[in-house]
Amino acid sequence: MTLFVRHYVVFALCLGASIWLEPPPVSAQGLDIEEGRAHFEAQRFEEAFRIIGPLATEGNAEAQFLLGVVYENRPGHKLYNAPRSLNWYLKAADSGHICARRRLIEILLFQGRIRNKPPDGDLLERFHLTDGPTDETYKELLNWEYSYLERNYYNEKFVDKMKDVHRRRFVVMLTWYRTATERGLLHIANAAFQFAYSFKHNELLISEKLSEAALSGEFWRWFEELQVNWPTKCRH
């Protein structure tokens, strides 16, 4: 049993599963993505959710992307769940949605900051991405997220916001933790293990999917393609 598998078993046994608010199991037959998009544009998010939720569950890439946006951009609302938004962005990205791919790049590499142009040379150099990802790429990404969490974790205001976007930073850190571990970078990954108890079971599953996309090269192919054709008219 590898170190990562042992860590994962500890995560699962200690944390257990949590119940998520997901789109209800309603048939998408007769539902119109354009109507859902109109509700979304008018910021009638609950009405949009009732339409795009079933469509997203049945594989509509635009609905999956919009559902990710709804989950990400409703702080304080029952539909707000920044970590869960990653799951729907990834589903949409797998279906070919370029704005979902852009959003994942912004979240995983640039702390979620909106970028209306592709990453420049300085950022590519910092993450050793000029010629594709290397071990140094994963080391830098993990250290960045780990340092942020270590620096802020015991800050009272930070802890109060753990149900908000900061939980997504934990998922991103765990994504790079998993990836670094699978690549044998144990001296880097072990330091991040101290935050294990902070994760929920479903967040572990999201990080697993994201890590698989990075390890398979799929995420980096999206990154390379968007470097040439960065989408500039994406909803956020």
C-alpha atoms as a PDB file:
ATOM      1  CA  MET A   1       0.000   0.000   0.000  1.00  0.00           C
ATOM      2  CA  THR A   2       1.501   3.311  -1.065  1.00  0.00           C
ATOM      3  CA  LEU A   3       1.871   6.278   1.253  1.00  0.00           C
ATOM      4  CA  PHE A   4      -0.837   8.121  -0.653  1.00  0.00           C
ATOM      5  CA  VAL A   5      -3.273   5.200  -0.443  1.00  0.00           C
ATOM      6  CA  ARG A   6      -2.665   4.914   3.303  1.00  0.00           C
ATOM      7  CA  HIS A   7      -3.285   8.631   3.702  1.00  0.00           C
ATOM      8  CA  TYR A   8      -6.465   8.377   1.640  1.00  0.00           C
ATOM      9  CA  VAL A   9      -7.771   5.487   3.757  1.00  0.00           C
ATOM     10  CA  VAL A  10      -7.125   7.540   6.888  1.00  0.00           C
ATOM     11  CA  PHE A  11      -9.009  10.465   5.331  1.00  0.00           C
ATOM     12  CA  ALA A  12     -12.000   8.330   4.443  1.00  0.00           C
ATOM     13  CA  LEU A  13     -12.228   6.475   7.745  1.00  0.00           C
ATOM     14  CA  CYS A  14     -11.824   9.567   9.890  1.00  0.00           C
ATOM     15  CA  LEU A  15     -14.004  11.947   7.967  1.00  0.00           C
ATOM     16  CA  GLY A  16     -16.777   9.822   6.513  1.00  0.00           C
ATOM     17  CA  ALA A  17     -19.212  10.961   3.877  1.00  0.00           C
ATOM     18  CA  SER A  18     -21.268  14.139   3.827  1.00  0.00           C
ATOM     19  CA  ILE A  19     -24.535  14.835   2.038  1.00  0.00           C
ATOM     20  CA  TRP A  20     -24.414  17.481  -0.665  1.00  0.00           C
ATOM     21  CA  LEU A  21     -27.155  19.559  -2.157  1.00  0.00           C
ATOM     22  CA  GLU A  22     -27.104  18.427  -5.781  1.00  0.00           C
ATOM     23  CA  PRO A  23     -29.596  18.802  -8.633  1.00  0.00           C
ATOM     24  CA  PRO A  24     -32.660  16.687  -7.880  1.00  0.00           C
ATOM     25  CA  PRO A  25     -33.176  13.515  -9.941  1.00  0.00           C
ATOM     26  CA  VAL A  26     -35.640  15.186 -12.270  1.00  0.00           C
ATOM     27  CA  SER A  27     -35.891  14.392 -15.962  1.00  0.00           C
ATOM     28  CA  ALA A  28     -34.513  17.104 -18.231  1.00  0.00           C
ATOM     29  CA  GLN A  29     -37.131  16.345 -20.867  1.00  0.00           C
ATOM     30  CA  GLY A  30     -38.876  19.539 -21.917  1.00  0.00           C
ATOM     31  CA  LEU A  31     -36.391  21.798 -20.154  1.00  0.00           C
ATOM     32  CA  ASP A  32     -34.813  24.591 -22.200  1.00  0.00           C
ATOM     33  CA  ILE A  33     -31.215  25.624 -21.612  1.00  0.00           C
ATOM     34  CA  GLU A  34     -32.004  29.067 -23.056  1.00  0.00           C
ATOM     35  CA  GLU A  35     -34.686  29.601 -20.410  1.00  0.00           C
ATOM     36  CA  GLY A  36     -32.241  28.493 -17.753  1.00  0.00           C
ATOM     37  CA  ARG A  37     -29.617  30.853 -19.141  1.00  0.00           C
ATOM     38  CA  ALA A  38     -32.139  33.727 -19.120  1.00  0.00           C
ATOM     39  CA  HIS A  39     -32.854  33.129 -15.431  1.00  0.00           C
ATOM     40  CA  PHE A  40     -29.114  32.961 -14.804  1.00  0.00           C
ATOM     41  CA  GLU A  41     -28.445  36.258 -16.602  1.00  0.00           C
ATOM     42  CA  ALA A  42     -31.240  37.893 -14.586  1.00  0.00           C
ATOM     43  CA  GLN A  43     -29.631  36.490 -11.395  1.00  0.00           C
ATOM     44  CA  ARG A  44     -32.698  34.413 -10.616  1.00  0.00           C
ATOM     45  CA  PHE A  45     -30.423  31.609  -9.520  1.00  0.00           C
ATOM     46  CA  GLU A  46     -32.963  29.342  -7.842  1.00  0.00           C
ATOM     47  CA  GLU A  47     -35.136  29.364 -10.970  1.00  0.00           C
ATOM     48  CA  ALA A  48     -32.026  28.770 -13.088  1.00  0.00           C
ATOM     49  CA  PHE A  49     -30.989  25.911 -10.798  1.00  0.00           C
ATOM     50  CA  ARG A  50     -34.283  24.081 -11.315  1.00  0.00           C
ATOM     51  CA  ILE A  51     -33.696  24.078 -15.063  1.00  0.00           C
ATOM     52  CA  ILE A  52     -29.955  23.748 -15.468  1.00  0.00           C
ATOM     53  CA  GLY A  53     -29.593  21.202 -12.647  1.00  0.00           C
ATOM     54  CA  PRO A  54     -31.349  18.319 -14.467  1.00  0.00           C
ATOM     55  CA  LEU A  55     -29.758  19.341 -17.788  1.00  0.00           C
ATOM     56  CA  ALA A  56     -26.311  19.320 -16.191  1.00  0.00           C
ATOM     57  CA  THR A  57     -26.933  15.912 -14.645  1.00  0.00           C
ATOM     58  CA  GLU A  58     -27.830  14.548 -18.091  1.00  0.00           C
ATOM     59  CA  GLY A  59     -24.578  15.853 -19.581  1.00  0.00           C
ATOM     60  CA  ASN A  60     -25.323  19.279 -21.082  1.00  0.00           C
ATOM     61  CA  ALA A  61     -21.923  21.043 -21.025  1.00  0.00           C
ATOM     62  CA  GLU A  62     -23.334  24.585 -20.930  1.00  0.00           C
ATOM     63  CA  ALA A  63     -25.647  23.654 -18.062  1.00  0.00           C
ATOM     64  CA  GLN A  64     -22.730  22.046 -16.215  1.00  0.00           C
ATOM     65  CA  PHE A  65     -20.691  25.213 -16.589  1.00  0.00           C
ATOM     66  CA  LEU A  66     -23.551  27.469 -15.477  1.00  0.00           C
ATOM     67  CA  LEU A  67     -24.181  25.227 -12.487  1.00  0.00           C
ATOM     68  CA  GLY A  68     -20.519  25.641 -11.538  1.00  0.00           C
ATOM     69  CA  VAL A  69     -20.929  29.418 -11.740  1.00  0.00           C
ATOM     70  CA  VAL A  70     -24.100  29.319  -9.617  1.00  0.00           C
ATOM     71  CA  TYR A  71     -22.360  27.275  -6.921  1.00  0.00           C
ATOM     72  CA  GLU A  72     -19.330  29.555  -6.971  1.00  0.00           C
ATOM     73  CA  ASN A  73     -20.955  32.962  -6.933  1.00  0.00           C
ATOM     74  CA  ARG A  74     -23.690  32.866  -4.280  1.00  0.00           C
ATOM     75  CA  PRO A  75     -21.901  33.544  -0.942  1.00  0.00           C
ATOM     76  CA  GLY A  76     -24.231  33.069   2.014  1.00  0.00           C
ATOM     77  CA  HIS A  77     -26.877  31.328  -0.102  1.00  0.00           C
ATOM     78  CA  LYS A  78     -27.869  27.668   0.177  1.00  0.00           C
ATOM     79  CA  LEU A  79     -26.689  27.166  -3.410  1.00  0.00           C
ATOM     80  CA  TYR A  80     -23.205  28.445  -2.571  1.00  0.00           C
ATOM     81  CA  ASN A  81     -20.503  25.788  -2.454  1.00  0.00           C
ATOM     82  CA  ALA A  82     -17.173  26.807  -3.959  1.00  0.00           C
ATOM     83  CA  PRO A  83     -15.583  23.326  -3.738  1.00  0.00           C
ATOM     84  CA  ARG A  84     -18.596  21.726  -5.424  1.00  0.00           C
ATOM     85  CA  SER A  85     -18.375  24.214  -8.265  1.00  0.00           C
ATOM     86  CA  LEU A  86     -15.062  22.590  -9.187  1.00  0.00           C
ATOM     87  CA  ASN A  87     -16.825  19.304  -9.802  1.00  0.00           C
ATOM     88  CA  TRP A  88     -19.205  20.860 -12.320  1.00  0.00           C
ATOM     89  CA  TYR A  89     -16.489  22.897 -14.004  1.00  0.00           C
ATOM     90  CA  LEU A  90     -14.527  19.683 -14.459  1.00  0.00           C
ATOM     91  CA  LYS A  91     -17.537  17.864 -15.925  1.00  0.00           C
ATOM     92  CA  ALA A  92     -18.092  20.740 -18.367  1.00  0.00           C
ATOM     93  CA  ALA A  93     -14.383  20.876 -19.227  1.00  0.00           C
ATOM     94  CA  ASP A  94     -14.404  17.143 -19.959  1.00  0.00           C
ATOM     95  CA  SER A  95     -17.320  17.814 -22.313  1.00  0.00           C
ATOM     96  CA  GLY A  96     -15.272  20.422 -24.200  1.00  0.00           C
ATOM     97  CA  HIS A  97     -16.545  23.667 -22.640  1.00  0.00           C
ATOM     98  CA  ILE A  98     -13.674  26.134 -23.101  1.00  0.00           C
ATOM     99  CA  CYS A  99     -14.887  28.601 -20.453  1.00  0.00           C
ATOM    100  CA  ALA A 100     -14.998  25.788 -17.901  1.00  0.00           C
ATOM    101  CA  ARG A 101     -11.439  24.905 -18.864  1.00  0.00           C
ATOM    102  CA  ARG A 102     -10.392  28.523 -18.458  1.00  0.00           C
ATOM    103  CA  ARG A 103     -12.045  28.712 -15.032  1.00  0.00           C
ATOM    104  CA  LEU A 104     -10.275  25.578 -13.830  1.00  0.00           C
ATOM    105  CA  ILE A 105      -6.946  27.031 -14.956  1.00  0.00           C
ATOM    106  CA  GLU A 106      -7.696  30.253 -13.064  1.00  0.00           C
ATOM    107  CA  ILE A 107      -8.622  28.344  -9.905  1.00  0.00           C
ATOM    108  CA  LEU A 108      -5.896  25.701  -9.931  1.00  0.00           C
ATOM    109  CA  LEU A 109      -3.024  27.935 -11.006  1.00  0.00           C
ATOM    110  CA  PHE A 110      -3.980  31.499 -10.040  1.00  0.00           C
ATOM    111  CA  GLN A 111      -6.114  31.268  -6.857  1.00  0.00           C
ATOM    112  CA  GLY A 112      -9.293  31.924  -8.811  1.00  0.00           C
ATOM    113  CA  ARG A 113      -8.339  35.381 -10.062  1.00  0.00           C
ATOM    114  CA  ILE A 114     -10.151  36.304 -13.270  1.00  0.00           C
ATOM    115  CA  ARG A 115      -7.739  36.536 -16.183  1.00  0.00           C
ATOM    116  CA  ASN A 116      -8.875  38.143 -19.427  1.00  0.00           C
ATOM    117  CA  LYS A 117      -5.668  37.174 -21.169  1.00  0.00           C
ATOM    118  CA  PRO A 118      -3.509  34.055 -21.065  1.00  0.00           C
ATOM    119  CA  PRO A 119      -0.817  33.708 -18.378  1.00  0.00           C
ATOM    120  CA  ASP A 120       2.263  35.733 -19.280  1.00  0.00           C
ATOM    121  CA  GLY A 121       5.916  34.730 -19.403  1.00  0.00           C
ATOM    122  CA  ASP A 122       6.678  35.558 -15.771  1.00  0.00           C
ATOM    123  CA  LEU A 123       3.927  33.302 -14.479  1.00  0.00           C
ATOM    124  CA  LEU A 124       4.873  30.523 -16.865  1.00  0.00           C
ATOM    125  CA  GLU A 125       8.455  30.784 -15.683  1.00  0.00           C
ATOM    126  CA  ARG A 126       7.481  30.800 -12.008  1.00  0.00           C
ATOM    127  CA  PHE A 127       5.599  27.526 -12.396  1.00  0.00           C
ATOM    128  CA  HIS A 128       8.150  26.041 -14.809  1.00  0.00           C
ATOM    129  CA  LEU A 129       5.498  25.737 -17.521  1.00  0.00           C
ATOM    130  CA  THR A 130       7.444  27.140 -20.456  1.00  0.00           C
ATOM    131  CA  ASP A 131       8.082  23.622 -21.756  1.00  0.00           C
ATOM    132  CA  GLY A 132       5.261  21.816 -19.978  1.00  0.00           C
ATOM    133  CA  PRO A 133       4.847  20.793 -16.319  1.00  0.00           C
ATOM    134  CA  THR A 134       7.762  19.302 -14.406  1.00  0.00           C
ATOM    135  CA  ASP A 135       8.304  18.114 -10.837  1.00  0.00           C
ATOM    136  CA  GLU A 136       9.240  21.706 -10.039  1.00  0.00           C
ATOM    137  CA  THR A 137       5.794  22.775 -11.289  1.00  0.00           C
ATOM    138  CA  TYR A 138       4.015  20.573  -8.771  1.00  0.00           C
ATOM    139  CA  LYS A 139       6.447  21.515  -6.028  1.00  0.00           C
ATOM    140  CA  GLU A 140       5.810  25.228  -6.577  1.00  0.00           C
ATOM    141  CA  LEU A 141       2.026  24.856  -6.848  1.00  0.00           C
ATOM    142  CA  LEU A 142       1.796  22.757  -3.692  1.00  0.00           C
ATOM    143  CA  ASN A 143       4.114  25.038  -1.741  1.00  0.00           C
ATOM    144  CA  TRP A 144       2.092  28.082  -2.790  1.00  0.00           C
ATOM    145  CA  GLU A 145      -1.196  26.639  -1.543  1.00  0.00           C
ATOM    146  CA  TYR A 146       0.332  25.026   1.534  1.00  0.00           C
ATOM    147  CA  SER A 147       2.103  28.244   2.575  1.00  0.00           C
ATOM    148  CA  TYR A 148      -1.127  30.210   2.199  1.00  0.00           C
ATOM    149  CA  LEU A 149      -3.092  27.778   4.348  1.00  0.00           C
ATOM    150  CA  GLU A 150      -0.360  27.431   6.955  1.00  0.00           C
ATOM    151  CA  ARG A 151      -0.072  31.213   7.207  1.00  0.00           C
ATOM    152  CA  ASN A 152      -3.811  31.795   7.563  1.00  0.00           C
ATOM    153  CA  TYR A 153      -5.231  28.677   9.156  1.00  0.00           C
ATOM    154  CA  TYR A 154      -5.113  29.934  12.733  1.00  0.00           C
ATOM    155  CA  ASN A 155      -6.415  33.373  11.851  1.00  0.00           C
ATOM    156  CA  GLU A 156      -9.871  33.691  13.423  1.00  0.00           C
ATOM    157  CA  LYS A 157     -11.356  35.547  10.464  1.00  0.00           C
ATOM    158  CA  PHE A 158      -9.974  32.892   8.141  1.00  0.00           C
ATOM    159  CA  VAL A 159     -11.539  30.069  10.148  1.00  0.00           C
ATOM    160  CA  ASP A 160     -14.886  31.865  10.110  1.00  0.00           C
ATOM    161  CA  LYS A 161     -14.766  31.752   6.319  1.00  0.00           C
ATOM    162  CA  MET A 162     -13.936  28.073   6.063  1.00  0.00           C
ATOM    163  CA  LYS A 163     -17.376  27.362   4.634  1.00  0.00           C
ATOM    164  CA  ASP A 164     -16.713  29.826   1.869  1.00  0.00           C
ATOM    165  CA  VAL A 165     -14.087  30.084  -0.846  1.00  0.00           C
ATOM    166  CA  HIS A 166     -11.235  29.079   1.473  1.00  0.00           C
ATOM    167  CA  ARG A 167     -12.491  25.497   1.394  1.00  0.00           C
ATOM    168  CA  ARG A 168     -11.759  25.527  -2.313  1.00  0.00           C
ATOM    169  CA  ARG A 169      -8.153  26.407  -1.562  1.00  0.00           C
ATOM    170  CA  PHE A 170      -7.999  23.252   0.538  1.00  0.00           C
ATOM    171  CA  VAL A 171      -9.281  21.200  -2.409  1.00  0.00           C
ATOM    172  CA  VAL A 172      -6.707  22.809  -4.707  1.00  0.00           C
ATOM    173  CA  MET A 173      -3.931  22.095  -2.220  1.00  0.00           C
ATOM    174  CA  LEU A 174      -5.059  18.492  -1.899  1.00  0.00           C
ATOM    175  CA  THR A 175      -5.118  18.198  -5.703  1.00  0.00           C
ATOM    176  CA  TRP A 176      -1.448  19.155  -5.905  1.00  0.00           C
ATOM    177  CA  TYR A 177      -0.704  17.070  -2.804  1.00  0.00           C
ATOM    178  CA  ARG A 178      -2.133  13.979  -4.509  1.00  0.00           C
ATOM    179  CA  THR A 179      -0.337  14.740  -7.746  1.00  0.00           C
ATOM    180  CA  ALA A 180       3.003  15.321  -6.027  1.00  0.00           C
ATOM    181  CA  THR A 181       2.614  12.094  -4.041  1.00  0.00           C
ATOM    182  CA  GLU A 182       1.822  10.055  -7.131  1.00  0.00           C
ATOM    183  CA  ARG A 183       4.922  11.499  -8.789  1.00  0.00           C
ATOM    184  CA  GLY A 184       7.037  10.428  -5.808  1.00  0.00           C
ATOM    185  CA  LEU A 185       7.618  13.899  -4.364  1.00  0.00           C
ATOM    186  CA  LEU A 186       7.022  12.692  -0.815  1.00  0.00           C
ATOM    187  CA  HIS A 187       9.331  15.214   0.836  1.00  0.00           C
ATOM    188  CA  ILE A 188       7.015  17.934  -0.480  1.00  0.00           C
ATOM    189  CA  ALA A 189       3.690  16.194  -0.013  1.00  0.00           C
ATOM    190  CA  ASN A 190       4.205  15.005   3.553  1.00  0.00           C
ATOM    191  CA  ALA A 191       4.220  18.539   4.943  1.00  0.00           C
ATOM    192  CA  ALA A 192       0.704  19.144   3.659  1.00  0.00           C
ATOM    193  CA  PHE A 193      -0.718  16.113   5.436  1.00  0.00           C
ATOM    194  CA  GLN A 194      -1.259  18.074   8.662  1.00  0.00           C
ATOM    195  CA  PHE A 195      -4.410  19.554   7.123  1.00  0.00           C
ATOM    196  CA  ALA A 196      -5.964  16.129   6.507  1.00  0.00           C
ATOM    197  CA  TYR A 197      -8.646  16.476   9.153  1.00  0.00           C
ATOM    198  CA  SER A 198      -9.974  19.626   7.475  1.00  0.00           C
ATOM    199  CA  PHE A 199     -11.293  17.813   4.407  1.00  0.00           C
ATOM    200  CA  LYS A 200     -14.701  16.373   3.783  1.00  0.00           C
ATOM    201  CA  HIS A 201     -15.095  13.077   1.964  1.00  0.00           C
ATOM    202  CA  ASN A 202     -16.639  14.582  -1.167  1.00  0.00           C
ATOM    203  CA  GLU A 203     -13.902  17.191  -1.377  1.00  0.00           C
ATOM    204  CA  LEU A 204     -11.416  14.336  -1.423  1.00  0.00           C
ATOM    205  CA  LEU A 205     -13.230  12.836  -4.394  1.00  0.00           C
ATOM    206  CA  ILE A 206     -13.133  16.130  -6.292  1.00  0.00           C
ATOM    207  CA  SER A 207      -9.413  16.498  -5.693  1.00  0.00           C
ATOM    208  CA  GLU A 208      -8.941  12.941  -6.943  1.00  0.00           C
ATOM    209  CA  LYS A 209     -10.652  13.777 -10.235  1.00  0.00           C
ATOM    210  CA  LEU A 210      -8.655  16.988 -10.639  1.00  0.00           C
ATOM    211  CA  SER A 211      -5.411  15.196  -9.844  1.00  0.00           C
ATOM    212  CA  GLU A 212      -6.217  12.511 -12.423  1.00  0.00           C
ATOM    213  CA  ALA A 213      -6.740  15.227 -15.029  1.00  0.00           C
ATOM    214  CA  ALA A 214      -3.310  16.673 -14.193  1.00  0.00           C
ATOM    215  CA  LEU A 215      -1.517  13.311 -14.080  1.00  0.00           C
ATOM    216  CA  SER A 216      -3.048  12.135 -17.359  1.00  0.00           C
ATOM    217  CA  GLY A 217      -1.953  15.362 -19.039  1.00  0.00           C
ATOM    218  CA  GLU A 218      -5.520  16.345 -19.918  1.00  0.00           C
ATOM    219  CA  PHE A 219      -5.471  19.499 -17.779  1.00  0.00           C
ATOM    220  CA  TRP A 220      -2.178  20.575 -19.310  1.00  0.00           C
ATOM    221  CA  ARG A 221      -3.504  19.995 -22.828  1.00  0.00           C
ATOM    222  CA  TRP A 222      -6.356  22.368 -22.015  1.00  0.00           C
ATOM    223  CA  PHE A 223      -3.821  24.849 -20.689  1.00  0.00           C
ATOM    224  CA  GLU A 224      -1.700  24.615 -23.851  1.00  0.00           C
ATOM    225  CA  GLU A 225      -4.707  25.005 -26.156  1.00  0.00           C
ATOM    226  CA  LEU A 226      -6.047  28.016 -24.278  1.00  0.00           C
ATOM    227  CA  GLN A 227      -2.642  29.683 -24.319  1.00  0.00           C
ATOM    228  CA  VAL A 228      -3.157  30.024 -28.079  1.00  0.00           C
ATOM    229  CA  ASN A 229      -6.880  30.795 -28.007  1.00  0.00           C
ATOM    230  CA  TRP A 230      -7.785  32.266 -24.606  1.00  0.00           C
ATOM    231  CA  PRO A 231     -11.588  32.768 -24.318  1.00  0.00           C
ATOM    232  CA  THR A 232     -12.401  36.335 -23.312  1.00  0.00           C
ATOM    233  CA  LYS A 233     -16.207  36.296 -23.095  1.00  0.00           C
ATOM    234  CA  CYS A 234     -16.854  33.850 -20.295  1.00  0.00           C
ATOM    235  CA  ARG A 235     -19.497  34.246 -17.589  1.00  0.00           C
ATOM    236  CA  HIS A 236     -18.259  34.429 -14.003  1.00  0.00           C
END
